[in-house]
N, C-alpha and C. Protein backbone atom coordinates (compact mmCIF):
# COMPACT_ATOMS: atom_id res chain seq x y z
N MET A 1 -20.63 57.50 -29.41
CA MET A 1 -20.47 57.72 -30.83
C MET A 1 -21.00 59.11 -31.14
N ARG A 2 -20.20 59.89 -31.85
CA ARG A 2 -20.62 61.23 -32.27
C ARG A 2 -20.35 61.33 -33.76
N LEU A 3 -21.40 61.34 -34.54
CA LEU A 3 -21.30 61.58 -35.98
C LEU A 3 -21.74 63.02 -36.19
N TRP A 4 -20.76 63.90 -36.22
CA TRP A 4 -21.03 65.32 -36.29
C TRP A 4 -21.84 65.69 -37.53
N SER A 5 -22.80 66.59 -37.34
CA SER A 5 -23.53 67.18 -38.46
C SER A 5 -22.76 68.38 -38.99
N LEU A 6 -21.80 68.85 -38.21
CA LEU A 6 -20.95 69.97 -38.61
C LEU A 6 -19.95 69.52 -39.67
N HIS A 7 -19.47 70.46 -40.45
CA HIS A 7 -18.42 70.15 -41.43
C HIS A 7 -17.16 69.74 -40.65
N PRO A 8 -16.47 68.70 -41.11
CA PRO A 8 -15.27 68.26 -40.37
C PRO A 8 -14.12 69.26 -40.39
N MET A 9 -14.21 70.30 -41.19
CA MET A 9 -13.16 71.32 -41.22
C MET A 9 -12.97 71.98 -39.86
N TYR A 10 -14.01 71.96 -39.01
CA TYR A 10 -13.93 72.62 -37.72
C TYR A 10 -13.28 71.76 -36.64
N LEU A 11 -13.15 70.49 -36.88
CA LEU A 11 -12.65 69.58 -35.85
C LEU A 11 -11.14 69.73 -35.63
N ASP A 12 -10.74 69.62 -34.39
CA ASP A 12 -9.32 69.57 -34.07
C ASP A 12 -8.80 68.19 -34.48
N ALA A 13 -7.50 67.99 -34.40
CA ALA A 13 -6.88 66.74 -34.85
C ALA A 13 -7.49 65.54 -34.13
N ARG A 14 -7.61 65.64 -32.84
CA ARG A 14 -8.16 64.53 -32.06
C ARG A 14 -9.61 64.24 -32.46
N GLY A 15 -10.38 65.29 -32.67
CA GLY A 15 -11.77 65.14 -33.06
C GLY A 15 -11.93 64.52 -34.44
N LEU A 16 -11.06 64.90 -35.36
CA LEU A 16 -11.15 64.36 -36.72
C LEU A 16 -10.81 62.86 -36.74
N VAL A 17 -9.79 62.49 -36.00
CA VAL A 17 -9.42 61.07 -35.92
C VAL A 17 -10.54 60.27 -35.25
N ALA A 18 -11.11 60.82 -34.20
CA ALA A 18 -12.21 60.13 -33.51
C ALA A 18 -13.42 60.00 -34.44
N LEU A 19 -13.70 61.03 -35.21
CA LEU A 19 -14.83 60.97 -36.14
C LEU A 19 -14.62 59.88 -37.18
N TRP A 20 -13.40 59.78 -37.71
CA TRP A 20 -13.09 58.74 -38.67
C TRP A 20 -13.36 57.35 -38.09
N ARG A 21 -12.85 57.11 -36.89
CA ARG A 21 -13.04 55.81 -36.24
C ARG A 21 -14.51 55.53 -35.96
N GLU A 22 -15.21 56.52 -35.46
CA GLU A 22 -16.61 56.33 -35.10
C GLU A 22 -17.50 56.16 -36.34
N ALA A 23 -17.19 56.85 -37.41
CA ALA A 23 -17.97 56.69 -38.64
C ALA A 23 -17.69 55.32 -39.27
N LEU A 24 -16.45 54.83 -39.15
CA LEU A 24 -16.16 53.47 -39.62
C LEU A 24 -16.91 52.44 -38.78
N LEU A 25 -17.00 52.69 -37.48
CA LEU A 25 -17.78 51.81 -36.62
C LEU A 25 -19.25 51.85 -37.03
N ALA A 26 -19.76 53.03 -37.32
CA ALA A 26 -21.15 53.15 -37.77
C ALA A 26 -21.37 52.37 -39.06
N ARG A 27 -20.40 52.43 -39.95
CA ARG A 27 -20.48 51.67 -41.21
C ARG A 27 -20.53 50.17 -40.92
N ALA A 28 -19.70 49.71 -39.99
CA ALA A 28 -19.70 48.30 -39.62
C ALA A 28 -21.04 47.89 -39.03
N VAL A 29 -21.63 48.74 -38.22
CA VAL A 29 -22.93 48.45 -37.64
C VAL A 29 -23.98 48.34 -38.75
N LEU A 30 -23.97 49.30 -39.67
CA LEU A 30 -24.95 49.29 -40.77
C LEU A 30 -24.78 48.09 -41.68
N ARG A 31 -23.57 47.56 -41.73
CA ARG A 31 -23.32 46.36 -42.54
C ARG A 31 -23.61 45.07 -41.77
N GLY A 32 -23.97 45.20 -40.50
CA GLY A 32 -24.25 44.03 -39.68
C GLY A 32 -23.01 43.29 -39.25
N ARG A 33 -21.89 43.99 -39.15
CA ARG A 33 -20.61 43.36 -38.85
C ARG A 33 -20.14 43.56 -37.41
N THR A 34 -21.02 44.02 -36.55
CA THR A 34 -20.65 44.19 -35.15
C THR A 34 -21.89 44.06 -34.28
N ARG A 35 -21.68 43.67 -33.05
CA ARG A 35 -22.80 43.52 -32.12
C ARG A 35 -23.06 44.80 -31.35
N GLY A 36 -22.00 45.55 -31.09
CA GLY A 36 -22.14 46.78 -30.31
C GLY A 36 -22.73 47.91 -31.13
N TYR A 37 -23.31 48.88 -30.44
CA TYR A 37 -23.82 50.12 -31.03
C TYR A 37 -24.96 49.92 -32.03
N ARG A 38 -25.53 48.72 -32.11
CA ARG A 38 -26.59 48.47 -33.09
C ARG A 38 -27.81 49.36 -32.88
N HIS A 39 -28.02 49.79 -31.65
CA HIS A 39 -29.20 50.59 -31.34
C HIS A 39 -28.85 52.05 -31.06
N HIS A 40 -27.67 52.47 -31.49
CA HIS A 40 -27.26 53.85 -31.23
C HIS A 40 -28.19 54.79 -31.99
N PRO A 41 -28.75 55.79 -31.30
CA PRO A 41 -29.75 56.64 -31.94
C PRO A 41 -29.26 57.45 -33.15
N GLN A 42 -27.98 57.79 -33.20
CA GLN A 42 -27.49 58.57 -34.35
C GLN A 42 -27.53 57.76 -35.64
N LEU A 43 -27.55 56.44 -35.53
CA LEU A 43 -27.60 55.62 -36.73
C LEU A 43 -28.97 55.65 -37.39
N ASN A 44 -29.99 56.06 -36.67
CA ASN A 44 -31.34 56.10 -37.23
C ASN A 44 -31.43 57.02 -38.45
N ARG A 45 -30.68 58.11 -38.43
CA ARG A 45 -30.77 59.01 -39.58
C ARG A 45 -30.14 58.40 -40.83
N PHE A 46 -29.20 57.48 -40.65
CA PHE A 46 -28.64 56.77 -41.80
C PHE A 46 -29.54 55.60 -42.19
N ARG A 47 -30.07 54.92 -41.20
CA ARG A 47 -30.96 53.79 -41.49
C ARG A 47 -32.21 54.25 -42.23
N GLY A 48 -32.62 55.47 -42.01
CA GLY A 48 -33.81 56.01 -42.66
C GLY A 48 -33.63 56.33 -44.13
N ARG A 49 -32.43 56.19 -44.65
CA ARG A 49 -32.16 56.48 -46.06
C ARG A 49 -32.49 55.26 -46.91
N ALA A 50 -32.74 55.51 -48.19
CA ALA A 50 -33.02 54.41 -49.12
C ALA A 50 -31.81 53.49 -49.22
N ALA A 51 -30.62 54.06 -49.15
CA ALA A 51 -29.37 53.29 -49.23
C ALA A 51 -28.47 53.71 -48.08
N PRO A 52 -28.65 53.13 -46.89
CA PRO A 52 -27.88 53.54 -45.71
C PRO A 52 -26.36 53.45 -45.89
N LEU A 53 -25.88 52.39 -46.55
CA LEU A 53 -24.44 52.25 -46.75
C LEU A 53 -23.90 53.33 -47.68
N SER A 54 -24.65 53.68 -48.70
CA SER A 54 -24.22 54.77 -49.58
C SER A 54 -24.14 56.08 -48.80
N ALA A 55 -25.10 56.29 -47.90
CA ALA A 55 -25.09 57.52 -47.10
C ALA A 55 -23.89 57.58 -46.17
N ILE A 56 -23.59 56.48 -45.47
CA ILE A 56 -22.44 56.51 -44.55
C ILE A 56 -21.14 56.58 -45.34
N ASN A 57 -21.08 55.96 -46.50
CA ASN A 57 -19.88 56.06 -47.34
C ASN A 57 -19.67 57.50 -47.81
N ALA A 58 -20.76 58.17 -48.19
CA ALA A 58 -20.66 59.57 -48.61
C ALA A 58 -20.21 60.44 -47.44
N TYR A 59 -20.70 60.14 -46.24
CA TYR A 59 -20.30 60.85 -45.03
C TYR A 59 -18.80 60.68 -44.81
N LEU A 60 -18.36 59.42 -44.87
CA LEU A 60 -16.94 59.11 -44.66
C LEU A 60 -16.05 59.75 -45.73
N ALA A 61 -16.52 59.84 -46.95
CA ALA A 61 -15.71 60.43 -48.02
C ALA A 61 -15.36 61.88 -47.72
N VAL A 62 -16.26 62.61 -47.12
CA VAL A 62 -15.99 64.00 -46.75
C VAL A 62 -14.98 64.06 -45.61
N VAL A 63 -15.12 63.16 -44.65
CA VAL A 63 -14.16 63.10 -43.54
C VAL A 63 -12.77 62.75 -44.09
N TYR A 64 -12.74 61.79 -44.99
CA TYR A 64 -11.47 61.40 -45.61
C TYR A 64 -10.84 62.59 -46.35
N ALA A 65 -11.63 63.31 -47.11
CA ALA A 65 -11.11 64.46 -47.88
C ALA A 65 -10.51 65.51 -46.95
N GLU A 66 -11.17 65.77 -45.83
CA GLU A 66 -10.64 66.73 -44.87
C GLU A 66 -9.33 66.23 -44.28
N ALA A 67 -9.29 64.96 -43.94
CA ALA A 67 -8.06 64.39 -43.38
C ALA A 67 -6.93 64.43 -44.40
N ALA A 68 -7.21 64.09 -45.64
CA ALA A 68 -6.18 64.11 -46.69
C ALA A 68 -5.66 65.53 -46.90
N ALA A 69 -6.55 66.52 -46.85
CA ALA A 69 -6.14 67.92 -47.01
C ALA A 69 -5.20 68.35 -45.89
N ARG A 70 -5.33 67.73 -44.73
CA ARG A 70 -4.45 68.03 -43.59
C ARG A 70 -3.20 67.17 -43.57
N GLY A 71 -3.10 66.26 -44.52
CA GLY A 71 -1.91 65.41 -44.59
C GLY A 71 -1.99 64.14 -43.78
N TYR A 72 -3.17 63.76 -43.31
CA TYR A 72 -3.33 62.54 -42.54
C TYR A 72 -3.35 61.34 -43.50
N ALA A 73 -2.98 60.20 -43.00
CA ALA A 73 -2.89 58.99 -43.83
C ALA A 73 -4.02 58.01 -43.51
N PHE A 74 -5.27 58.46 -43.65
CA PHE A 74 -6.40 57.56 -43.47
C PHE A 74 -6.45 56.61 -44.66
N ASP A 75 -6.95 55.42 -44.43
CA ASP A 75 -7.03 54.41 -45.48
C ASP A 75 -8.34 54.55 -46.26
N ARG A 76 -8.25 55.08 -47.46
CA ARG A 76 -9.42 55.32 -48.31
C ARG A 76 -10.18 54.03 -48.61
N ARG A 77 -9.48 52.91 -48.64
CA ARG A 77 -10.12 51.63 -48.97
C ARG A 77 -11.15 51.20 -47.94
N LYS A 78 -11.10 51.77 -46.75
CA LYS A 78 -12.04 51.40 -45.70
C LYS A 78 -13.44 51.97 -45.93
N ILE A 79 -13.55 52.92 -46.83
CA ILE A 79 -14.83 53.57 -47.06
C ILE A 79 -15.77 52.71 -47.90
N GLY A 80 -15.28 52.10 -48.93
CA GLY A 80 -16.16 51.38 -49.84
C GLY A 80 -16.61 52.32 -50.95
N PRO A 81 -17.47 51.84 -51.82
CA PRO A 81 -17.88 52.66 -52.97
C PRO A 81 -18.68 53.89 -52.53
N VAL A 82 -18.34 55.02 -53.12
CA VAL A 82 -19.05 56.26 -52.80
C VAL A 82 -19.92 56.63 -53.99
N ARG A 83 -21.20 56.59 -53.74
CA ARG A 83 -22.17 56.99 -54.76
C ARG A 83 -22.86 58.25 -54.27
N ARG A 84 -23.50 58.91 -55.16
CA ARG A 84 -24.26 60.10 -54.79
C ARG A 84 -25.33 59.70 -53.79
N SER A 85 -25.46 60.46 -52.75
CA SER A 85 -26.48 60.21 -51.74
C SER A 85 -27.28 61.48 -51.55
N ASP A 86 -28.58 61.35 -51.47
CA ASP A 86 -29.42 62.53 -51.25
C ASP A 86 -29.07 63.17 -49.91
N ALA A 87 -29.14 64.50 -49.90
CA ALA A 87 -28.85 65.23 -48.67
C ALA A 87 -29.88 64.87 -47.60
N MET A 88 -29.41 64.89 -46.38
CA MET A 88 -30.25 64.53 -45.24
C MET A 88 -30.51 65.79 -44.41
N PRO A 89 -31.72 65.91 -43.85
CA PRO A 89 -32.00 67.10 -43.05
C PRO A 89 -31.37 67.03 -41.66
N VAL A 90 -31.00 68.18 -41.18
CA VAL A 90 -30.57 68.34 -39.79
C VAL A 90 -31.14 69.69 -39.33
N THR A 91 -31.56 69.75 -38.10
CA THR A 91 -32.22 70.97 -37.64
C THR A 91 -31.21 72.06 -37.27
N SER A 92 -31.68 73.29 -37.35
CA SER A 92 -30.84 74.43 -37.00
C SER A 92 -30.43 74.37 -35.53
N ALA A 93 -31.34 73.93 -34.67
CA ALA A 93 -31.00 73.82 -33.24
C ALA A 93 -29.97 72.73 -33.00
N GLN A 94 -30.00 71.67 -33.81
CA GLN A 94 -29.01 70.61 -33.68
C GLN A 94 -27.63 71.14 -34.04
N ILE A 95 -27.55 71.89 -35.13
CA ILE A 95 -26.27 72.47 -35.54
C ILE A 95 -25.74 73.39 -34.44
N GLU A 96 -26.61 74.22 -33.89
CA GLU A 96 -26.20 75.12 -32.82
C GLU A 96 -25.74 74.33 -31.59
N HIS A 97 -26.47 73.28 -31.23
CA HIS A 97 -26.10 72.44 -30.09
C HIS A 97 -24.73 71.81 -30.31
N GLU A 98 -24.53 71.22 -31.48
CA GLU A 98 -23.24 70.59 -31.78
C GLU A 98 -22.11 71.61 -31.79
N TRP A 99 -22.39 72.80 -32.31
CA TRP A 99 -21.36 73.83 -32.37
C TRP A 99 -20.89 74.22 -30.97
N HIS A 100 -21.83 74.42 -30.06
CA HIS A 100 -21.45 74.77 -28.69
C HIS A 100 -20.73 73.61 -27.99
N HIS A 101 -21.17 72.41 -28.29
CA HIS A 101 -20.52 71.21 -27.74
C HIS A 101 -19.07 71.11 -28.24
N LEU A 102 -18.89 71.34 -29.53
CA LEU A 102 -17.53 71.27 -30.10
C LEU A 102 -16.65 72.40 -29.56
N LEU A 103 -17.19 73.60 -29.47
CA LEU A 103 -16.40 74.71 -28.93
C LEU A 103 -15.94 74.42 -27.50
N ALA A 104 -16.80 73.82 -26.71
CA ALA A 104 -16.41 73.47 -25.33
C ALA A 104 -15.28 72.47 -25.32
N LYS A 105 -15.33 71.49 -26.23
CA LYS A 105 -14.24 70.51 -26.33
C LYS A 105 -12.95 71.20 -26.78
N MET A 106 -13.05 72.05 -27.80
CA MET A 106 -11.86 72.72 -28.33
C MET A 106 -11.24 73.67 -27.31
N ARG A 107 -12.06 74.29 -26.52
CA ARG A 107 -11.54 75.22 -25.52
C ARG A 107 -10.53 74.54 -24.61
N LYS A 108 -10.79 73.26 -24.30
CA LYS A 108 -9.88 72.49 -23.45
C LYS A 108 -8.75 71.84 -24.25
N ARG A 109 -9.08 71.24 -25.39
CA ARG A 109 -8.11 70.43 -26.14
C ARG A 109 -7.21 71.25 -27.06
N ASP A 110 -7.74 72.32 -27.64
CA ASP A 110 -6.97 73.07 -28.63
C ASP A 110 -7.35 74.55 -28.55
N PRO A 111 -6.82 75.25 -27.55
CA PRO A 111 -7.19 76.65 -27.34
C PRO A 111 -6.98 77.55 -28.56
N ALA A 112 -5.94 77.29 -29.36
CA ALA A 112 -5.71 78.12 -30.54
C ALA A 112 -6.84 77.94 -31.56
N LEU A 113 -7.26 76.72 -31.76
CA LEU A 113 -8.37 76.47 -32.68
C LEU A 113 -9.67 77.04 -32.12
N TYR A 114 -9.83 76.95 -30.83
CA TYR A 114 -11.00 77.55 -30.18
C TYR A 114 -11.05 79.04 -30.46
N ARG A 115 -9.92 79.73 -30.30
CA ARG A 115 -9.89 81.17 -30.55
C ARG A 115 -10.20 81.48 -32.02
N LYS A 116 -9.77 80.59 -32.91
CA LYS A 116 -10.03 80.79 -34.34
C LYS A 116 -11.53 80.73 -34.65
N TRP A 117 -12.24 79.81 -34.02
CA TRP A 117 -13.63 79.56 -34.40
C TRP A 117 -14.68 80.15 -33.46
N ARG A 118 -14.30 80.60 -32.28
CA ARG A 118 -15.30 80.98 -31.27
C ARG A 118 -16.26 82.08 -31.70
N ALA A 119 -15.82 82.99 -32.55
CA ALA A 119 -16.69 84.09 -32.97
C ALA A 119 -17.64 83.70 -34.11
N LEU A 120 -17.42 82.56 -34.71
CA LEU A 120 -18.27 82.11 -35.81
C LEU A 120 -19.66 81.78 -35.28
N LYS A 121 -20.67 82.41 -35.83
CA LYS A 121 -22.04 82.20 -35.34
C LYS A 121 -22.80 81.14 -36.15
N LEU A 122 -22.44 80.99 -37.42
CA LEU A 122 -23.17 80.07 -38.28
C LEU A 122 -22.20 79.12 -38.98
N PRO A 123 -21.85 78.02 -38.32
CA PRO A 123 -20.91 77.07 -38.93
C PRO A 123 -21.59 76.31 -40.07
N ARG A 124 -20.78 75.84 -40.99
CA ARG A 124 -21.28 75.02 -42.10
C ARG A 124 -21.57 73.62 -41.58
N CYS A 125 -22.55 72.99 -42.19
CA CYS A 125 -22.81 71.61 -41.83
C CYS A 125 -22.06 70.70 -42.80
N HIS A 126 -21.94 69.45 -42.43
CA HIS A 126 -21.33 68.44 -43.28
C HIS A 126 -22.09 68.47 -44.61
N PRO A 127 -21.42 68.36 -45.75
CA PRO A 127 -22.10 68.46 -47.04
C PRO A 127 -23.18 67.42 -47.30
N LEU A 128 -23.23 66.36 -46.51
CA LEU A 128 -24.28 65.37 -46.67
C LEU A 128 -25.61 65.87 -46.11
N PHE A 129 -25.57 66.94 -45.33
CA PHE A 129 -26.76 67.45 -44.66
C PHE A 129 -27.18 68.80 -45.22
N TYR A 130 -28.44 69.13 -45.00
CA TYR A 130 -28.94 70.47 -45.23
C TYR A 130 -29.70 70.88 -43.98
N VAL A 131 -29.66 72.17 -43.67
CA VAL A 131 -30.26 72.67 -42.43
C VAL A 131 -31.71 73.08 -42.68
N ARG A 132 -32.56 72.65 -41.77
CA ARG A 132 -33.95 73.09 -41.76
C ARG A 132 -34.26 73.59 -40.36
N ALA A 133 -35.27 74.41 -40.24
CA ALA A 133 -35.64 74.93 -38.93
C ALA A 133 -36.12 73.78 -38.04
N GLY A 134 -35.84 73.91 -36.77
CA GLY A 134 -36.33 72.89 -35.85
C GLY A 134 -35.53 72.82 -34.57
N ALA A 135 -36.05 72.00 -33.66
CA ALA A 135 -35.44 71.80 -32.34
C ALA A 135 -34.29 70.80 -32.44
N ILE A 136 -33.63 70.59 -31.32
CA ILE A 136 -32.55 69.59 -31.27
C ILE A 136 -33.15 68.25 -31.68
N GLU A 137 -32.40 67.49 -32.44
CA GLU A 137 -32.87 66.23 -32.98
C GLU A 137 -33.25 65.25 -31.84
N PRO A 138 -34.28 64.45 -32.07
CA PRO A 138 -34.72 63.52 -31.02
C PRO A 138 -33.66 62.46 -30.64
N TRP A 139 -32.73 62.18 -31.54
CA TRP A 139 -31.70 61.18 -31.22
C TRP A 139 -30.57 61.73 -30.38
N GLU A 140 -30.52 63.03 -30.18
CA GLU A 140 -29.42 63.63 -29.41
C GLU A 140 -29.53 63.23 -27.95
N ARG A 141 -28.43 62.71 -27.42
CA ARG A 141 -28.40 62.33 -26.00
C ARG A 141 -28.31 63.59 -25.15
N GLY A 142 -28.91 63.54 -23.97
CA GLY A 142 -28.84 64.66 -23.04
C GLY A 142 -29.56 65.89 -23.53
N ARG A 143 -30.65 65.70 -24.27
CA ARG A 143 -31.39 66.82 -24.85
C ARG A 143 -31.88 67.75 -23.79
C-alpha cells in the first residue's frame, strides 16, 4: 500500500489508478470492513487524527479531483462525506524520498512523464499535508 504524500498531479495513469484503489482499501480498513492491511504502518498517520474517516475521505477527494480533471471515471460515491480535515504533517525527507521513488517508477513506466518532472526539485505535497523539517517518516518501509 502506498498512500503518496505527494500531490497526485505527478502520478502517471497507472499510479493514479493504483492510488485510488489503495486509498479506498485504506478507507475500508479504517472503517473496520476488511481483515487485511489492518496493521499497515501508513494507516497510523490517519488513525492519529481526531476523525480518521474524515481525513481519508479528504485524501480521496483530492485523488478523485485529479482523476476527474484527467477524464477518468472514478466513482465519487465511494468516498463518502468529505468534511474539512486539519492538515497533517509530513517531513521534508519523506517528500524527497517519495519523489525519488516516484521518479524511478516513472522512468520505467512513463518515460515522457519522467522527462517532464525529473528536473523538479521541490514537488508539491498532497493538499491534506504540510511539510515540516525532518527525517524519513518512521512508517516508511525500507528506511
